[in-house]
Amino acid sequence: MEHRHPMHVRFPFTYDLVDVRMGWRNERAEIYVFAENLFDEDYELNNFNAGASVLTGEPANLVVPGPPRIVGIGATIKLH
């Protein structure tokens, strides 16, 4: 089930995203691992009515998907 906003913005089902970050740090350095969208949830950042298609005249929706799972490592060092 979806809800339509008066400006024709479509709000699909709700979803949950899980981001995690774990690491170690002291006064001068930090090292960590992280994951964004840990369970690789498919979701939309934006989805709205873009008017009618120039080619077919049919309604056209603009859909911007959310990014997939991102996993990485990071480090920072204070030099002063």
Protein backbone atom coordinates (compact mmCIF):
# COMPACT_ATOMS: atom_id res chain seq x y z
CA MET A 1 0.00 0.00 0.00
CA GLU A 2 1.29 3.46 -0.78
CA HIS A 3 0.35 7.00 0.09
CA ARG A 4 0.10 9.76 -2.49
CA HIS A 5 1.14 13.24 -1.46
CA PRO A 6 -0.89 16.17 -2.86
CA MET A 7 2.11 17.13 -5.05
CA HIS A 8 2.04 13.64 -6.62
CA VAL A 9 5.00 12.37 -4.61
CA ARG A 10 4.69 8.65 -4.01
CA PHE A 11 5.65 7.24 -0.62
CA PRO A 12 6.15 3.47 -0.93
CA PHE A 13 6.33 0.99 1.91
CA THR A 14 8.55 1.85 4.82
CA TYR A 15 11.94 0.22 5.20
CA ASP A 16 14.74 -0.02 7.73
CA LEU A 17 18.40 0.61 6.96
CA VAL A 18 21.19 -0.61 9.20
CA ASP A 19 24.54 1.23 9.25
CA VAL A 20 27.36 0.08 11.55
CA ARG A 21 30.79 1.36 12.46
CA MET A 22 33.27 -0.26 14.84
CA GLY A 23 36.83 0.62 15.58
CA TRP A 24 39.59 1.70 17.91
CA ARG A 25 40.96 5.15 18.69
CA ASN A 26 43.24 7.07 20.98
CA GLU A 27 44.34 10.73 21.17
CA ARG A 28 46.25 10.63 17.85
CA ALA A 29 44.74 7.91 15.66
CA GLU A 30 41.60 6.03 14.76
CA ILE A 31 40.99 2.91 12.66
CA TYR A 32 37.54 1.50 11.92
CA VAL A 33 35.43 -0.75 9.71
CA PHE A 34 31.99 0.28 8.56
CA ALA A 35 28.97 -0.89 6.59
CA GLU A 36 26.13 1.20 5.21
CA ASN A 37 22.88 -0.54 4.26
CA LEU A 38 24.27 -3.68 5.89
CA PHE A 39 21.44 -5.98 4.73
CA ASP A 40 21.48 -4.56 1.17
CA GLU A 41 17.90 -3.26 1.37
CA ASP A 42 16.37 -2.12 -1.96
CA TYR A 43 14.79 1.29 -1.48
CA GLU A 44 14.05 4.53 -3.27
CA LEU A 45 15.50 7.92 -2.37
CA ASN A 46 12.96 9.68 -4.58
CA ASN A 47 9.98 8.58 -6.61
CA PHE A 48 7.69 11.21 -8.08
CA ASN A 49 5.43 11.91 -11.01
CA ALA A 50 7.50 13.55 -13.74
CA GLY A 51 4.51 14.36 -15.94
CA ALA A 52 3.75 12.58 -19.19
CA SER A 53 6.23 10.82 -21.45
CA VAL A 54 7.05 12.86 -24.57
CA LEU A 55 7.11 9.69 -26.67
CA THR A 56 4.01 7.85 -25.44
CA GLY A 57 1.96 10.35 -23.45
CA GLU A 58 1.84 7.83 -20.59
CA PRO A 59 2.53 9.00 -17.02
CA ALA A 60 6.24 9.00 -16.25
CA ASN A 61 7.74 8.47 -12.81
CA LEU A 62 11.25 9.49 -11.89
CA VAL A 63 12.77 6.90 -9.55
CA VAL A 64 16.11 7.40 -7.76
CA PRO A 65 17.19 4.14 -6.10
CA GLY A 66 19.09 4.15 -2.82
CA PRO A 67 22.70 2.97 -2.86
CA PRO A 68 23.48 -0.71 -2.28
CA ARG A 69 25.50 -2.07 0.64
CA ILE A 70 28.82 -0.27 1.10
CA VAL A 71 31.54 -1.85 3.26
CA GLY A 72 34.93 -0.34 3.97
CA ILE A 73 37.73 0.53 6.35
CA GLY A 74 39.00 3.91 7.38
CA ALA A 75 41.74 5.54 9.41
CA THR A 76 42.60 9.01 10.63
CA ILE A 77 45.82 10.32 12.14
CA LYS A 78 46.26 13.69 13.85
CA LEU A 79 49.56 15.21 12.79
CA HIS A 80 49.85 17.99 15.37
